[in-house]
Protein backbone atom coordinates (compact mmCIF):
# COMPACT_ATOMS: atom_id res chain seq x y z
CA MET A 1 44.28 149.62 44.90
CA ARG A 2 46.63 149.85 47.86
CA THR A 3 45.23 150.85 51.15
CA ASP A 4 48.37 150.56 53.29
CA TRP A 5 49.13 154.25 53.12
CA PRO A 6 52.27 155.39 54.91
CA LYS A 7 51.73 156.22 58.55
CA LYS A 8 54.22 159.06 58.30
CA THR A 9 54.05 161.97 55.95
CA GLY A 10 56.80 163.79 54.15
CA PRO A 11 58.80 163.40 50.97
CA THR A 12 60.91 160.55 52.29
CA ALA A 13 57.97 158.46 53.44
CA TRP A 14 56.06 158.98 50.19
CA LEU A 15 59.15 158.16 48.12
CA ALA A 16 59.61 154.86 49.93
CA PHE A 17 55.88 154.12 49.52
CA TRP A 18 56.06 154.83 45.82
CA HIS A 19 59.24 152.71 45.36
CA ASP A 20 57.71 149.69 47.09
CA GLY A 21 54.35 150.07 45.45
CA ILE A 22 55.39 150.87 41.90
CA LEU A 23 58.85 149.37 41.41
CA GLY A 24 58.15 146.40 43.63
CA CYS A 25 55.13 145.30 41.65
CA GLY A 26 55.34 141.73 40.48
CA ARG A 27 58.15 140.75 42.85
CA PRO A 28 57.68 137.53 44.79
CA PRO A 29 56.89 138.05 48.43
CA GLN A 30 60.02 138.11 50.57
CA LYS A 31 60.28 135.71 53.51
CA ALA A 32 60.72 137.22 56.89
CA LYS A 33 64.34 137.08 58.03
CA GLN A 34 64.85 134.37 60.60
CA PRO A 35 66.77 135.12 63.78
CA ALA A 36 70.32 133.84 63.82
CA ILE A 37 70.62 130.39 65.32
CA SER A 38 73.73 129.53 67.28
CA GLU A 39 75.81 126.56 66.16
CA PRO A 40 74.87 124.24 69.08
CA ILE A 41 71.14 124.82 68.47
CA ARG A 42 71.55 124.33 64.72
CA LEU A 43 73.21 120.98 65.33
CA LEU A 44 70.40 119.84 67.56
CA ARG A 45 67.46 120.98 65.44
CA GLY A 46 65.86 118.14 63.57
CA THR A 47 67.24 115.48 65.93
CA ALA A 48 65.04 113.88 68.53
CA PRO A 49 64.08 115.06 71.03
CA PHE A 50 64.81 118.53 69.65
CA TYR A 51 63.03 118.37 66.26
CA ASN A 52 60.48 120.88 67.53
CA LEU A 53 63.04 123.16 69.14
CA PRO A 54 61.53 126.64 68.78
CA ILE A 55 63.44 129.62 67.49
CA MET A 56 64.18 131.95 70.36
CA LYS A 57 63.63 135.54 69.36
CA SER A 58 64.68 137.49 72.43
CA PRO A 59 68.41 137.73 73.32
CA ARG A 60 67.76 136.33 76.80
CA SER A 61 65.87 133.33 75.43
CA ARG A 62 68.60 132.64 72.90
CA SER A 63 71.25 132.75 75.65
CA ILE A 64 69.34 130.24 77.76
CA ALA A 65 68.85 127.94 74.79
CA ARG A 66 72.53 128.21 73.88
CA LEU A 67 73.64 127.24 77.42
CA ALA A 68 71.23 124.30 77.48
CA ALA A 69 72.49 123.06 74.13
CA LEU A 70 76.11 123.35 75.20
CA ALA A 71 75.37 121.36 78.36
CA ILE A 72 73.72 118.62 76.31
CA LEU A 73 76.60 118.50 73.86
CA ALA A 74 79.13 118.38 76.69
CA GLY A 75 77.34 115.35 78.14
CA ALA A 76 77.46 113.63 74.77
CA MET A 77 81.19 114.25 74.29
CA PRO A 78 83.73 111.60 75.44
CA ARG A 79 84.63 112.12 79.09
CA ALA A 80 88.18 112.75 80.22
CA ALA A 81 90.17 109.83 81.60
CA ALA A 82 89.06 108.87 85.10
CA GLU A 83 91.39 109.52 88.03
CA PRO A 84 93.43 106.51 89.22
CA PRO A 85 91.84 104.55 92.09
CA ALA A 86 92.85 105.46 95.63
CA GLN A 87 94.86 103.13 97.83
CA ASP A 88 92.77 100.88 100.08
CA PRO A 89 93.74 101.62 103.72
CA ALA A 90 92.93 98.02 104.68
CA GLU A 91 95.77 96.82 102.44
CA LEU A 92 98.19 99.22 104.12
CA ALA A 93 97.14 98.03 107.58
CA ALA A 94 97.51 94.38 106.56
CA ALA A 95 101.02 94.97 105.17
CA ALA A 96 102.13 96.83 108.31
CA GLU A 97 100.73 94.14 110.63
CA SER A 98 102.37 91.33 108.66
CA TYR A 99 105.72 93.13 108.82
CA LEU A 100 105.44 93.65 112.59
CA ARG A 101 104.62 89.97 113.15
CA GLN A 102 107.82 89.05 111.32
CA GLN A 103 109.81 91.37 113.58
CA LEU A 104 108.23 89.81 116.69
CA ALA A 105 108.66 86.20 115.59
CA ALA A 106 111.70 85.67 117.86
CA LEU A 107 109.65 86.36 120.99
CA PRO A 108 107.54 83.58 122.54
CA GLY A 109 103.85 84.33 122.84
CA GLU A 110 101.09 85.70 120.62
CA PRO A 111 101.69 89.34 119.66
CA SER A 112 98.97 91.96 119.95
CA ILE A 113 99.16 94.69 117.29
CA THR A 114 96.92 97.76 117.08
CA LEU A 115 97.38 100.24 114.23
CA ASP A 116 96.15 103.82 114.29
CA PRO A 117 93.72 104.66 111.44
CA LEU A 118 95.53 105.32 108.16
CA ARG A 119 94.49 108.03 105.70
CA SER A 120 95.10 106.95 102.12
CA ASP A 121 92.49 108.99 100.24
CA ARG A 122 95.23 111.03 98.56
CA LEU A 123 97.41 108.02 97.67
CA ASP A 124 97.20 106.21 94.35
CA ALA A 125 96.65 102.45 94.47
CA CYS A 126 99.99 100.65 94.83
CA GLU A 127 101.11 97.50 93.01
CA ALA A 128 104.47 97.07 94.82
CA LEU A 129 104.36 97.92 98.54
CA THR A 130 107.42 97.55 100.80
CA PRO A 131 107.18 97.92 104.61
CA PHE A 132 110.29 99.07 106.47
CA MET A 133 111.54 100.17 109.86
CA PRO A 134 112.56 103.86 110.02
CA SER A 135 116.23 104.51 110.72
CA GLY A 136 117.07 104.15 114.41
CA MET A 137 113.74 102.51 115.20
CA ARG A 138 113.48 99.18 117.03
CA VAL A 139 110.57 97.04 118.11
CA ARG A 140 108.93 98.59 121.16
CA ALA A 141 105.52 99.13 122.71
CA ARG A 142 104.81 102.28 120.67
CA MET A 143 106.50 102.41 117.30
CA THR A 144 106.37 103.57 113.68
CA VAL A 145 106.29 101.44 110.53
CA GLY A 146 107.03 102.88 107.09
CA LEU A 147 105.18 101.79 103.94
CA ARG A 148 106.86 102.65 100.65
CA CYS A 149 105.20 102.28 97.23
CA VAL A 150 107.55 101.77 94.29
CA ALA A 151 105.02 101.21 91.47
CA PRO A 152 103.20 102.57 89.59
CA ARG A 153 103.82 105.81 91.47
CA THR A 154 106.26 106.43 94.29
CA TRP A 155 104.99 107.52 97.70
CA THR A 156 105.71 106.80 101.38
CA VAL A 157 103.37 106.77 104.35
CA TYR A 158 103.98 106.03 108.04
CA ALA A 159 101.76 104.01 110.38
CA GLN A 160 101.69 104.29 114.17
CA ALA A 161 101.35 100.97 116.01
CA THR A 162 100.91 99.76 119.59
CA VAL A 163 102.60 96.38 120.09
CA SER A 164 102.75 93.91 122.98
CA VAL A 165 103.76 90.27 123.47
CA PRO A 166 102.74 88.73 126.81
CA GLY A 167 105.15 86.07 128.06
CA GLN A 168 107.66 84.93 130.68
CA TYR A 169 111.23 86.06 131.19
CA TYR A 170 113.96 85.27 133.72
CA VAL A 171 115.31 87.36 136.57
CA ALA A 172 117.87 86.66 139.26
CA ALA A 173 116.30 84.94 142.26
CA ARG A 174 119.20 86.18 144.36
CA GLN A 175 122.35 88.18 143.87
CA ILE A 176 124.76 86.49 141.44
CA ALA A 177 128.45 87.32 141.74
CA PRO A 178 130.54 87.89 138.62
CA GLY A 179 132.22 84.73 137.33
CA LYS A 180 129.88 82.40 139.22
CA THR A 181 128.36 79.58 137.19
CA ILE A 182 124.61 80.19 137.09
CA GLU A 183 122.41 77.37 138.38
CA ALA A 184 118.63 76.82 138.30
CA ALA A 185 118.36 78.05 141.91
CA ASP A 186 119.73 81.40 140.80
CA LEU A 187 116.75 82.02 138.48
CA THR A 188 113.03 82.71 138.72
CA THR A 189 110.39 83.67 136.14
CA ARG A 190 108.16 86.70 135.81
CA ASP A 191 105.20 87.47 133.55
CA GLY A 192 105.09 90.67 131.55
CA ASP A 193 105.13 92.38 128.19
CA LEU A 194 108.27 91.13 126.45
CA VAL A 195 108.31 94.11 124.07
CA ALA A 196 108.50 96.58 126.96
CA LEU A 197 111.62 94.91 128.42
CA PRO A 198 115.15 96.22 127.83
CA PRO A 199 116.83 94.78 124.72
CA GLY A 200 118.53 91.40 125.16
CA VAL A 201 116.49 90.04 128.07
CA ILE A 202 116.59 86.22 127.90
CA THR A 203 113.36 84.20 127.79
CA ASP A 204 114.96 80.74 127.51
CA ALA A 205 116.54 79.16 130.61
CA ALA A 206 118.84 76.99 128.47
CA ALA A 207 120.61 80.14 127.31
CA ILE A 208 121.42 81.09 130.94
CA LEU A 209 122.26 77.90 132.85
CA GLY A 210 125.98 77.14 132.99
CA MET A 211 126.92 80.68 131.97
CA ARG A 212 128.83 83.16 134.09
CA PRO A 213 127.89 86.82 134.56
CA ALA A 214 130.51 89.36 133.60
CA HIS A 215 129.15 91.73 136.24
CA ARG A 216 127.20 91.42 139.45
CA ILE A 217 123.47 90.72 138.92
CA ALA A 218 121.13 92.02 141.63
CA ALA A 219 118.15 90.02 142.86
CA GLY A 220 115.09 90.63 140.66
CA GLN A 221 117.16 92.01 137.78
CA PRO A 222 116.34 90.60 134.31
CA ILE A 223 119.07 88.39 132.84
CA LYS A 224 120.56 89.86 129.65
CA GLY A 225 122.54 87.86 127.15
CA ALA A 226 125.12 90.61 126.74
CA GLY A 227 126.11 90.27 130.40
CA LEU A 228 126.83 86.53 130.27
CA ARG A 229 129.97 84.64 129.37
CA SER A 230 130.47 80.98 128.58
CA ALA A 231 131.65 78.86 131.49
CA GLU A 232 134.63 78.02 129.32
CA SER A 233 135.43 81.70 128.84
CA VAL A 234 137.50 84.02 130.92
CA SER A 235 136.29 87.33 132.29
CA ARG A 236 138.10 90.58 132.80
CA GLY A 237 139.83 90.60 136.19
CA GLN A 238 139.53 86.84 136.58
CA SER A 239 142.52 84.89 137.91
CA VAL A 240 143.76 82.44 135.30
CA ARG A 241 146.52 79.86 134.98
CA ILE A 242 149.05 80.62 132.27
CA THR A 243 150.85 77.77 130.57
CA ALA A 244 153.81 78.36 128.30
CA ARG A 245 154.75 75.53 126.00
CA GLY A 246 158.16 75.27 124.39
CA ASN A 247 160.25 72.59 122.73
CA GLY A 248 160.06 69.79 125.30
CA PHE A 249 158.97 71.86 128.33
CA VAL A 250 155.89 73.44 129.92
CA VAL A 251 155.94 76.37 132.33
CA SER A 252 152.90 77.42 134.42
CA SER A 253 152.19 80.57 136.37
CA GLU A 254 149.30 82.66 137.65
CA GLY A 255 147.95 85.78 136.01
CA GLN A 256 144.96 88.06 135.65
CA ALA A 257 142.82 88.34 132.51
CA LEU A 258 142.63 91.89 131.17
CA ASP A 259 139.53 91.31 129.04
CA ASN A 260 136.61 88.97 128.36
CA ALA A 261 137.24 86.18 125.87
CA PRO A 262 135.51 82.94 124.81
CA PRO A 263 137.35 79.65 124.20
CA GLY A 264 139.71 79.84 121.22
CA ALA A 265 140.01 83.62 121.38
CA THR A 266 143.14 85.58 122.20
CA VAL A 267 143.26 87.43 125.52
CA GLN A 268 145.86 89.55 127.25
CA VAL A 269 147.01 88.45 130.71
CA ARG A 270 149.14 90.26 133.30
CA THR A 271 151.59 87.94 135.01
CA ALA A 272 152.59 88.06 138.68
CA SER A 273 155.71 90.01 137.68
CA GLY A 274 153.61 92.68 135.95
CA GLN A 275 154.46 91.59 132.41
CA VAL A 276 151.56 91.56 129.90
CA VAL A 277 151.42 88.56 127.58
CA SER A 278 148.91 87.29 125.05
CA GLY A 279 147.54 83.77 124.97
CA ILE A 280 144.67 81.64 123.72
CA VAL A 281 141.79 80.67 126.01
CA GLN A 282 141.76 76.86 126.28
CA ALA A 283 139.13 76.44 128.98
CA ALA A 284 137.66 78.24 131.95
CA GLY A 285 140.56 79.88 133.75
CA LEU A 286 143.22 78.45 131.43
CA VAL A 287 145.28 80.50 128.95
CA GLU A 288 148.05 78.97 126.84
CA ILE A 289 151.03 80.85 125.44
CA GLN A 290 152.96 79.45 122.51
CA LEU A 291 156.72 80.07 122.71
């Protein structure tokens, strides 16, 4: 006899009690309905270490379990491709220093090169790096060097450098008049930073001796190659002898060179009569005109 009488009274309650008790006789007992299991948890159940994973009944517990399962599955999935390695700043510094040493090779003395720290954390590693000098830049005490990557990705970065080359250079020991042949007594040496000097200052005495200045050189002034002419050359304003050669005769006269010219070059000369002629420099102070 059943003793589980309905807790509520009324026709509806008694009808349900009668239906379950009379019509449900002999039916196999029904299993309790299991809570829905999310797909990530279902995949993990029965696999170590989750073979005893409990069924979460409350919505909050199921949400926590679902997040945990998704995190575990995400860790087991193949990871995305790793980012390319960053460029090593030491390699950039080495390339810039090597390039600067090449630019300073013409100067006597051991160069001193200091590079400001380079930031390369946002640059991909480079397989083909090319140093270069920015347009209009020349070697000087404080300068910029460019570093251009051409493979596998293209990028450009600039390095700031402090450069110096200690050494000796030549200055005029006394005033040297234009056109005078320079002798050893006209020169003296000074020590200094060769990079900080004006462009063209000569550091080799052999390149100065026997030459003639195109302009006056004051005492203590550095000797520049651009201001020197060969002893066999003529200088602008210099008095020269003009020889005119014809068929069986030679005529000579005096004139004044209107420009600077080395031996073998053509120069214009103004004669004593004011006429301007062109001739070829044969030697110091000698211009020949072919008739």
